[in-house]
Amino acid sequence: MASELVLLSLAALLAGFVDAVAGGGGLIQVPALFNALPAETPATIFGTNKGSSIFGTANAAWRYARRVPLPWEIALPASMAAFVFSFVGAATVAWLPNDVVRPLVLAMMIFVVVYTLLKPDFGKLHGHAPPPDQLRSRALLVGAALGFYDGFFGPGAGSFMIFAFVGLFGLDFLRASSAAKIVNLTTNAAALSFFVPSGNILWLTALTMAAFNIAGALVGTRLALRHGSGFVRVIFLVVSTVLIGKFGYDTLLS
């Protein structure tokens, strides 16, 4: 078990860095947990992942909030909807097979990467915000959809959130990443409110990984704040491309 914990800690370190910059930390942590703990149920794997990643996400959200003007008018309604639907998503893990959503997620990720590549200025500068009367409804819709996805499946949720905040609300990548951390924090908390009472979390593993997740998030947040939206955009594209490869590989083999 000691060797598995070392490998999981290293995975958590990398996941914290990636998630703080561009989302997608679950791409690293979830497969690592499945490989290291093959005897555990999917619900326990996802619960342990959330128990670890919430600490890194909280650290990143706090640091972004100190340095970047957060779009609270978007982040708060999105977070409220995400909290409710993340709990619903977590509750479906036990009975809804993951391979139902895998082809859809793959198609969405390909669209995200292609669109971002074809639009060189996408997310580099602060764009046009939607009309005020549409702001809250859009935020609630985004929060509900991505909250459910994050609670149920997870990997790539942070990247989807960033893309949605850039495309639907005209935020630059840096501000979109900061808003995504606030929403992601609430989805993690909501999922844990299901996983913890139901006993689907390995506390020693989760807390050990959490320490390394925080360290990775600290480095990732500092680099994102120092280098700005251009840096976040590059990492976003790299993470999304790797995610496509992982989902494509798993889908073909399933």
C-alpha atoms as a PDB file:
ATOM      1  CA  MET A   1       0.000   0.000   0.000  1.00  0.00           C
ATOM      2  CA  ALA A   2       2.913   2.349   0.695  1.00  0.00           C
ATOM      3  CA  SER A   3       4.158   2.230  -2.893  1.00  0.00           C
ATOM      4  CA  GLU A   4       0.635   2.855  -4.211  1.00  0.00           C
ATOM      5  CA  LEU A   5       0.296   5.866  -1.909  1.00  0.00           C
ATOM      6  CA  VAL A   6       3.561   7.327  -3.198  1.00  0.00           C
ATOM      7  CA  LEU A   7       2.393   7.017  -6.802  1.00  0.00           C
ATOM      8  CA  LEU A   8      -1.005   8.493  -5.937  1.00  0.00           C
ATOM      9  CA  SER A   9       0.695  11.408  -4.182  1.00  0.00           C
ATOM     10  CA  LEU A  10       2.757  12.167  -7.288  1.00  0.00           C
ATOM     11  CA  ALA A  11      -0.390  11.968  -9.405  1.00  0.00           C
ATOM     12  CA  ALA A  12      -2.121  14.380  -7.018  1.00  0.00           C
ATOM     13  CA  LEU A  13       0.801  16.822  -7.272  1.00  0.00           C
ATOM     14  CA  LEU A  14       0.566  16.924 -11.069  1.00  0.00           C
ATOM     15  CA  ALA A  15      -3.236  16.996 -10.989  1.00  0.00           C
ATOM     16  CA  GLY A  16      -3.229  19.987  -8.637  1.00  0.00           C
ATOM     17  CA  PHE A  17      -0.938  21.912 -10.996  1.00  0.00           C
ATOM     18  CA  VAL A  18      -2.957  21.129 -14.119  1.00  0.00           C
ATOM     19  CA  ASP A  19      -6.314  21.749 -12.467  1.00  0.00           C
ATOM     20  CA  ALA A  20      -5.261  25.137 -11.073  1.00  0.00           C
ATOM     21  CA  VAL A  21      -4.251  26.385 -14.524  1.00  0.00           C
ATOM     22  CA  ALA A  22      -6.705  24.884 -16.987  1.00  0.00           C
ATOM     23  CA  GLY A  23      -8.882  22.274 -15.311  1.00  0.00           C
ATOM     24  CA  GLY A  24      -8.671  18.575 -16.091  1.00  0.00           C
ATOM     25  CA  GLY A  25      -6.905  17.374 -12.942  1.00  0.00           C
ATOM     26  CA  GLY A  26      -9.351  14.494 -12.748  1.00  0.00           C
ATOM     27  CA  LEU A  27      -7.825  13.188 -15.973  1.00  0.00           C
ATOM     28  CA  ILE A  28      -4.744  12.372 -13.904  1.00  0.00           C
ATOM     29  CA  GLN A  29      -6.122  11.470 -10.483  1.00  0.00           C
ATOM     30  CA  VAL A  30      -9.090   9.283 -11.421  1.00  0.00           C
ATOM     31  CA  PRO A  31      -7.166   6.810 -13.647  1.00  0.00           C
ATOM     32  CA  ALA A  32      -4.360   6.719 -11.049  1.00  0.00           C
ATOM     33  CA  LEU A  33      -6.854   5.795  -8.324  1.00  0.00           C
ATOM     34  CA  PHE A  34      -8.498   3.117 -10.469  1.00  0.00           C
ATOM     35  CA  ASN A  35      -5.095   1.585 -11.235  1.00  0.00           C
ATOM     36  CA  ALA A  36      -3.806   1.726  -7.658  1.00  0.00           C
ATOM     37  CA  LEU A  37      -7.038   0.564  -5.988  1.00  0.00           C
ATOM     38  CA  PRO A  38      -8.594  -2.019  -8.326  1.00  0.00           C
ATOM     39  CA  ALA A  39     -10.645  -3.642  -5.552  1.00  0.00           C
ATOM     40  CA  GLU A  40     -12.554  -0.460  -4.680  1.00  0.00           C
ATOM     41  CA  THR A  41     -15.949   0.488  -6.122  1.00  0.00           C
ATOM     42  CA  PRO A  42     -16.260   3.397  -8.591  1.00  0.00           C
ATOM     43  CA  ALA A  43     -18.179   5.395  -5.972  1.00  0.00           C
ATOM     44  CA  THR A  44     -15.280   5.041  -3.504  1.00  0.00           C
ATOM     45  CA  ILE A  45     -12.767   5.991  -6.196  1.00  0.00           C
ATOM     46  CA  PHE A  46     -14.728   9.124  -7.113  1.00  0.00           C
ATOM     47  CA  GLY A  47     -15.321   9.992  -3.452  1.00  0.00           C
ATOM     48  CA  THR A  48     -11.610   9.698  -2.649  1.00  0.00           C
ATOM     49  CA  ASN A  49     -10.764  11.792  -5.709  1.00  0.00           C
ATOM     50  CA  LYS A  50     -13.143  14.547  -4.586  1.00  0.00           C
ATOM     51  CA  GLY A  51     -11.821  14.365  -1.023  1.00  0.00           C
ATOM     52  CA  SER A  52      -8.334  15.029  -2.342  1.00  0.00           C
ATOM     53  CA  SER A  53      -9.011  17.556  -5.083  1.00  0.00           C
ATOM     54  CA  ILE A  54     -11.283  19.848  -3.071  1.00  0.00           C
ATOM     55  CA  PHE A  55      -8.311  21.074  -1.038  1.00  0.00           C
ATOM     56  CA  GLY A  56      -6.261  21.991  -4.097  1.00  0.00           C
ATOM     57  CA  THR A  57      -9.274  23.646  -5.705  1.00  0.00           C
ATOM     58  CA  ALA A  58      -9.952  25.672  -2.545  1.00  0.00           C
ATOM     59  CA  ASN A  59      -6.340  26.836  -2.437  1.00  0.00           C
ATOM     60  CA  ALA A  60      -6.425  27.864  -6.107  1.00  0.00           C
ATOM     61  CA  ALA A  61      -9.792  29.640  -5.707  1.00  0.00           C
ATOM     62  CA  TRP A  62      -8.487  31.628  -2.722  1.00  0.00           C
ATOM     63  CA  ARG A  63      -5.343  32.727  -4.542  1.00  0.00           C
ATOM     64  CA  TYR A  64      -7.213  33.704  -7.699  1.00  0.00           C
ATOM     65  CA  ALA A  65      -9.701  35.695  -5.616  1.00  0.00           C
ATOM     66  CA  ARG A  66      -6.853  37.696  -4.063  1.00  0.00           C
ATOM     67  CA  ARG A  67      -5.303  38.664  -7.402  1.00  0.00           C
ATOM     68  CA  VAL A  68      -8.000  38.555 -10.098  1.00  0.00           C
ATOM     69  CA  PRO A  69     -11.296  40.510 -10.092  1.00  0.00           C
ATOM     70  CA  LEU A  70     -13.766  37.636  -9.956  1.00  0.00           C
ATOM     71  CA  PRO A  71     -17.014  37.879 -11.968  1.00  0.00           C
ATOM     72  CA  TRP A  72     -19.224  37.115  -8.962  1.00  0.00           C
ATOM     73  CA  GLU A  73     -22.385  37.977 -10.893  1.00  0.00           C
ATOM     74  CA  ILE A  74     -21.613  34.899 -13.009  1.00  0.00           C
ATOM     75  CA  ALA A  75     -19.810  32.673 -10.529  1.00  0.00           C
ATOM     76  CA  LEU A  76     -22.397  32.828  -7.724  1.00  0.00           C
ATOM     77  CA  PRO A  77     -25.529  31.726  -9.633  1.00  0.00           C
ATOM     78  CA  ALA A  78     -23.466  29.137 -11.523  1.00  0.00           C
ATOM     79  CA  SER A  79     -22.136  27.820  -8.199  1.00  0.00           C
ATOM     80  CA  MET A  80     -25.600  27.553  -6.656  1.00  0.00           C
ATOM     81  CA  ALA A  81     -26.950  25.547  -9.580  1.00  0.00           C
ATOM     82  CA  ALA A  82     -23.763  23.473  -9.756  1.00  0.00           C
ATOM     83  CA  PHE A  83     -24.006  22.533  -6.073  1.00  0.00           C
ATOM     84  CA  VAL A  84     -27.501  21.099  -6.459  1.00  0.00           C
ATOM     85  CA  PHE A  85     -26.846  19.246  -9.687  1.00  0.00           C
ATOM     86  CA  SER A  86     -23.433  17.957  -8.618  1.00  0.00           C
ATOM     87  CA  PHE A  87     -25.129  16.178  -5.715  1.00  0.00           C
ATOM     88  CA  VAL A  88     -27.638  14.674  -8.153  1.00  0.00           C
ATOM     89  CA  GLY A  89     -24.802  13.618 -10.435  1.00  0.00           C
ATOM     90  CA  ALA A  90     -22.890  11.977  -7.591  1.00  0.00           C
ATOM     91  CA  ALA A  91     -26.013  10.067  -6.581  1.00  0.00           C
ATOM     92  CA  THR A  92     -26.306   8.560 -10.080  1.00  0.00           C
ATOM     93  CA  VAL A  93     -22.789   7.083 -10.074  1.00  0.00           C
ATOM     94  CA  ALA A  94     -23.987   3.893  -8.420  1.00  0.00           C
ATOM     95  CA  TRP A  95     -26.509   2.995 -11.135  1.00  0.00           C
ATOM     96  CA  LEU A  96     -25.793   4.895 -14.376  1.00  0.00           C
ATOM     97  CA  PRO A  97     -22.928   3.337 -16.412  1.00  0.00           C
ATOM     98  CA  ASN A  98     -20.108   5.740 -17.262  1.00  0.00           C
ATOM     99  CA  ASP A  99     -19.822   4.517 -20.848  1.00  0.00           C
ATOM    100  CA  VAL A 100     -23.200   6.095 -21.596  1.00  0.00           C
ATOM    101  CA  VAL A 101     -21.646   9.559 -21.529  1.00  0.00           C
ATOM    102  CA  ARG A 102     -18.168   8.742 -22.860  1.00  0.00           C
ATOM    103  CA  PRO A 103     -18.855   9.228 -26.628  1.00  0.00           C
ATOM    104  CA  LEU A 104     -20.661  12.506 -25.942  1.00  0.00           C
ATOM    105  CA  VAL A 105     -17.779  13.806 -23.817  1.00  0.00           C
ATOM    106  CA  LEU A 106     -15.297  12.859 -26.546  1.00  0.00           C
ATOM    107  CA  ALA A 107     -17.282  14.777 -29.180  1.00  0.00           C
ATOM    108  CA  MET A 108     -17.552  17.816 -26.896  1.00  0.00           C
ATOM    109  CA  MET A 109     -13.823  17.886 -26.197  1.00  0.00           C
ATOM    110  CA  ILE A 110     -12.967  17.687 -29.904  1.00  0.00           C
ATOM    111  CA  PHE A 111     -15.294  20.626 -30.557  1.00  0.00           C
ATOM    112  CA  VAL A 112     -13.701  22.629 -27.721  1.00  0.00           C
ATOM    113  CA  VAL A 113     -10.150  22.144 -29.032  1.00  0.00           C
ATOM    114  CA  VAL A 114     -10.990  22.741 -32.710  1.00  0.00           C
ATOM    115  CA  TYR A 115     -12.975  25.879 -31.912  1.00  0.00           C
ATOM    116  CA  THR A 116     -10.221  27.277 -29.678  1.00  0.00           C
ATOM    117  CA  LEU A 117      -7.548  26.583 -32.305  1.00  0.00           C
ATOM    118  CA  LEU A 118      -9.583  28.197 -35.094  1.00  0.00           C
ATOM    119  CA  LYS A 119     -10.164  31.318 -32.975  1.00  0.00           C
ATOM    120  CA  PRO A 120      -6.658  32.596 -32.078  1.00  0.00           C
ATOM    121  CA  ASP A 121      -8.056  35.506 -30.043  1.00  0.00           C
ATOM    122  CA  PHE A 122     -10.591  33.341 -28.210  1.00  0.00           C
ATOM    123  CA  GLY A 123     -10.074  33.937 -24.495  1.00  0.00           C
ATOM    124  CA  LYS A 124      -6.980  36.100 -24.855  1.00  0.00           C
ATOM    125  CA  LEU A 125      -8.854  39.324 -24.224  1.00  0.00           C
ATOM    126  CA  HIS A 126     -11.988  40.155 -22.288  1.00  0.00           C
ATOM    127  CA  GLY A 127     -14.826  39.889 -24.811  1.00  0.00           C
ATOM    128  CA  HIS A 128     -18.431  41.012 -24.960  1.00  0.00           C
ATOM    129  CA  ALA A 129     -20.614  40.071 -22.013  1.00  0.00           C
ATOM    130  CA  PRO A 130     -24.177  38.888 -22.657  1.00  0.00           C
ATOM    131  CA  PRO A 131     -27.095  41.261 -22.034  1.00  0.00           C
ATOM    132  CA  PRO A 132     -27.751  41.743 -18.290  1.00  0.00           C
ATOM    133  CA  ASP A 133     -31.153  40.069 -18.527  1.00  0.00           C
ATOM    134  CA  GLN A 134     -29.497  36.885 -19.866  1.00  0.00           C
ATOM    135  CA  LEU A 135     -26.555  36.770 -17.475  1.00  0.00           C
ATOM    136  CA  ARG A 136     -28.178  34.933 -14.574  1.00  0.00           C
ATOM    137  CA  SER A 137     -30.118  32.449 -16.701  1.00  0.00           C
ATOM    138  CA  ARG A 138     -26.973  31.521 -18.643  1.00  0.00           C
ATOM    139  CA  ALA A 139     -24.995  31.142 -15.432  1.00  0.00           C
ATOM    140  CA  LEU A 140     -27.666  28.905 -13.896  1.00  0.00           C
ATOM    141  CA  LEU A 141     -27.805  26.741 -17.023  1.00  0.00           C
ATOM    142  CA  VAL A 142     -24.021  26.362 -17.211  1.00  0.00           C
ATOM    143  CA  GLY A 143     -23.808  25.602 -13.494  1.00  0.00           C
ATOM    144  CA  ALA A 144     -26.557  22.977 -13.679  1.00  0.00           C
ATOM    145  CA  ALA A 145     -25.145  21.147 -16.712  1.00  0.00           C
ATOM    146  CA  LEU A 146     -21.519  21.130 -15.630  1.00  0.00           C
ATOM    147  CA  GLY A 147     -22.383  20.549 -11.984  1.00  0.00           C
ATOM    148  CA  PHE A 148     -24.201  17.348 -12.895  1.00  0.00           C
ATOM    149  CA  TYR A 149     -21.353  16.241 -15.142  1.00  0.00           C
ATOM    150  CA  ASP A 150     -18.720  16.924 -12.474  1.00  0.00           C
ATOM    151  CA  GLY A 151     -20.653  15.082  -9.780  1.00  0.00           C
ATOM    152  CA  PHE A 152     -21.331  12.095 -12.008  1.00  0.00           C
ATOM    153  CA  PHE A 153     -18.161  11.725 -14.053  1.00  0.00           C
ATOM    154  CA  GLY A 154     -15.708  14.560 -13.413  1.00  0.00           C
ATOM    155  CA  PRO A 155     -12.637  14.439 -15.683  1.00  0.00           C
ATOM    156  CA  GLY A 156     -12.516  17.515 -17.912  1.00  0.00           C
ATOM    157  CA  ALA A 157     -15.207  19.402 -15.974  1.00  0.00           C
ATOM    158  CA  GLY A 158     -12.857  22.279 -15.154  1.00  0.00           C
ATOM    159  CA  SER A 159     -11.868  22.610 -18.811  1.00  0.00           C
ATOM    160  CA  PHE A 160     -15.515  22.641 -19.885  1.00  0.00           C
ATOM    161  CA  MET A 161     -16.219  25.345 -17.302  1.00  0.00           C
ATOM    162  CA  ILE A 162     -13.403  27.549 -18.595  1.00  0.00           C
ATOM    163  CA  PHE A 163     -14.566  27.116 -22.199  1.00  0.00           C
ATOM    164  CA  ALA A 164     -18.151  27.953 -21.218  1.00  0.00           C
ATOM    165  CA  PHE A 165     -17.139  31.079 -19.299  1.00  0.00           C
ATOM    166  CA  VAL A 166     -15.048  32.302 -22.236  1.00  0.00           C
ATOM    167  CA  GLY A 167     -17.565  31.467 -24.950  1.00  0.00           C
ATOM    168  CA  LEU A 168     -20.823  32.381 -23.222  1.00  0.00           C
ATOM    169  CA  PHE A 169     -19.752  35.271 -21.000  1.00  0.00           C
ATOM    170  CA  GLY A 170     -16.848  36.875 -22.878  1.00  0.00           C
ATOM    171  CA  LEU A 171     -14.283  36.349 -20.111  1.00  0.00           C
ATOM    172  CA  ASP A 172     -10.582  36.008 -20.872  1.00  0.00           C
ATOM    173  CA  PHE A 173      -8.944  32.700 -20.008  1.00  0.00           C
ATOM    174  CA  LEU A 174      -7.459  33.939 -16.734  1.00  0.00           C
ATOM    175  CA  ARG A 175     -10.761  35.271 -15.360  1.00  0.00           C
ATOM    176  CA  ALA A 176     -12.594  32.239 -16.719  1.00  0.00           C
ATOM    177  CA  SER A 177     -10.164  29.973 -14.878  1.00  0.00           C
ATOM    178  CA  SER A 178     -10.690  31.907 -11.644  1.00  0.00           C
ATOM    179  CA  ALA A 179     -14.489  31.665 -11.985  1.00  0.00           C
ATOM    180  CA  ALA A 180     -14.216  27.962 -12.783  1.00  0.00           C
ATOM    181  CA  LYS A 181     -12.364  27.369  -9.518  1.00  0.00           C
ATOM    182  CA  ILE A 182     -15.232  28.885  -7.523  1.00  0.00           C
ATOM    183  CA  VAL A 183     -17.798  26.710  -9.296  1.00  0.00           C
ATOM    184  CA  ASN A 184     -15.566  23.631  -9.121  1.00  0.00           C
ATOM    185  CA  LEU A 185     -15.160  24.128  -5.373  1.00  0.00           C
ATOM    186  CA  THR A 186     -18.930  23.964  -4.885  1.00  0.00           C
ATOM    187  CA  THR A 187     -19.325  20.897  -7.114  1.00  0.00           C
ATOM    188  CA  ASN A 188     -16.656  19.072  -5.132  1.00  0.00           C
ATOM    189  CA  ALA A 189     -18.347  20.009  -1.867  1.00  0.00           C
ATOM    190  CA  ALA A 190     -21.739  18.861  -3.154  1.00  0.00           C
ATOM    191  CA  ALA A 191     -20.375  15.525  -4.369  1.00  0.00           C
ATOM    192  CA  LEU A 192     -18.669  14.969  -1.011  1.00  0.00           C
ATOM    193  CA  SER A 193     -21.944  15.662   0.790  1.00  0.00           C
ATOM    194  CA  PHE A 194     -23.136  12.450  -0.871  1.00  0.00           C
ATOM    195  CA  PHE A 195     -19.927  10.390  -0.817  1.00  0.00           C
ATOM    196  CA  VAL A 196     -18.962  11.030   2.834  1.00  0.00           C
ATOM    197  CA  PRO A 197     -22.249  10.031   4.542  1.00  0.00           C
ATOM    198  CA  SER A 198     -22.486   6.966   2.302  1.00  0.00           C
ATOM    199  CA  GLY A 199     -18.960   5.902   3.346  1.00  0.00           C
ATOM    200  CA  ASN A 200     -17.488   6.162  -0.156  1.00  0.00           C
ATOM    201  CA  ILE A 201     -14.147   7.754   0.710  1.00  0.00           C
ATOM    202  CA  LEU A 202     -10.762   6.435   1.861  1.00  0.00           C
ATOM    203  CA  TRP A 203      -9.694   9.126   4.299  1.00  0.00           C
ATOM    204  CA  LEU A 204      -5.991   8.272   4.671  1.00  0.00           C
ATOM    205  CA  THR A 205      -5.510   8.139   0.907  1.00  0.00           C
ATOM    206  CA  ALA A 206      -7.604  11.251   0.289  1.00  0.00           C
ATOM    207  CA  LEU A 207      -5.866  13.427   2.903  1.00  0.00           C
ATOM    208  CA  THR A 208      -2.380  12.297   1.867  1.00  0.00           C
ATOM    209  CA  MET A 209      -3.138  13.107  -1.756  1.00  0.00           C
ATOM    210  CA  ALA A 210      -4.710  16.405  -0.672  1.00  0.00           C
ATOM    211  CA  ALA A 211      -1.403  17.692   0.697  1.00  0.00           C
ATOM    212  CA  PHE A 212       0.297  17.094  -2.663  1.00  0.00           C
ATOM    213  CA  ASN A 213      -2.710  18.425  -4.563  1.00  0.00           C
ATOM    214  CA  ILE A 214      -2.411  21.716  -2.667  1.00  0.00           C
ATOM    215  CA  ALA A 215       1.308  21.933  -3.487  1.00  0.00           C
ATOM    216  CA  GLY A 216       0.605  21.428  -7.189  1.00  0.00           C
ATOM    217  CA  ALA A 217      -2.229  23.960  -7.131  1.00  0.00           C
ATOM    218  CA  LEU A 218       0.045  26.519  -5.481  1.00  0.00           C
ATOM    219  CA  VAL A 219       2.612  26.267  -8.281  1.00  0.00           C
ATOM    220  CA  GLY A 220      -0.032  26.223 -11.017  1.00  0.00           C
ATOM    221  CA  THR A 221      -1.858  29.281  -9.684  1.00  0.00           C
ATOM    222  CA  ARG A 222       1.348  31.287  -9.369  1.00  0.00           C
ATOM    223  CA  LEU A 223       2.341  30.525 -12.954  1.00  0.00           C
ATOM    224  CA  ALA A 224      -1.136  31.342 -14.290  1.00  0.00           C
ATOM    225  CA  LEU A 225      -1.231  34.681 -12.468  1.00  0.00           C
ATOM    226  CA  ARG A 226       2.304  35.538 -13.562  1.00  0.00           C
ATOM    227  CA  HIS A 227       1.933  34.683 -17.266  1.00  0.00           C
ATOM    228  CA  GLY A 228      -1.725  35.562 -17.820  1.00  0.00           C
ATOM    229  CA  SER A 229      -4.366  34.368 -20.279  1.00  0.00           C
ATOM    230  CA  GLY A 230      -1.933  33.330 -23.028  1.00  0.00           C
ATOM    231  CA  PHE A 231      -0.281  30.798 -20.719  1.00  0.00           C
ATOM    232  CA  VAL A 232      -3.647  29.467 -19.507  1.00  0.00           C
ATOM    233  CA  ARG A 233      -4.809  29.098 -23.126  1.00  0.00           C
ATOM    234  CA  VAL A 234      -1.769  26.990 -24.063  1.00  0.00           C
ATOM    235  CA  ILE A 235      -2.128  24.695 -21.037  1.00  0.00           C
ATOM    236  CA  PHE A 236      -5.865  24.493 -21.699  1.00  0.00           C
ATOM    237  CA  LEU A 237      -5.241  23.258 -25.257  1.00  0.00           C
ATOM    238  CA  VAL A 238      -2.584  20.765 -24.152  1.00  0.00           C
ATOM    239  CA  VAL A 239      -4.767  19.326 -21.377  1.00  0.00           C
ATOM    240  CA  SER A 240      -7.819  19.162 -23.665  1.00  0.00           C
ATOM    241  CA  THR A 241      -5.834  17.368 -26.380  1.00  0.00           C
ATOM    242  CA  VAL A 242      -4.534  14.797 -23.898  1.00  0.00           C
ATOM    243  CA  LEU A 243      -8.059  14.363 -22.581  1.00  0.00           C
ATOM    244  CA  ILE A 244      -9.293  13.640 -26.116  1.00  0.00           C
ATOM    245  CA  GLY A 245      -6.582  11.017 -26.525  1.00  0.00           C
ATOM    246  CA  LYS A 246      -7.482   9.358 -23.219  1.00  0.00           C
ATOM    247  CA  PHE A 247     -11.214   9.358 -23.887  1.00  0.00           C
ATOM    248  CA  GLY A 248     -10.703   8.191 -27.454  1.00  0.00           C
ATOM    249  CA  TYR A 249      -8.485   5.307 -26.333  1.00  0.00           C
ATOM    250  CA  ASP A 250     -10.912   4.240 -23.603  1.00  0.00           C
ATOM    251  CA  THR A 251     -13.910   4.519 -25.925  1.00  0.00           C
ATOM    252  CA  LEU A 252     -12.352   2.346 -28.620  1.00  0.00           C
ATOM    253  CA  LEU A 253     -11.411  -0.318 -26.077  1.00  0.00           C
ATOM    254  CA  SER A 254     -14.745  -0.304 -24.263  1.00  0.00           C
END
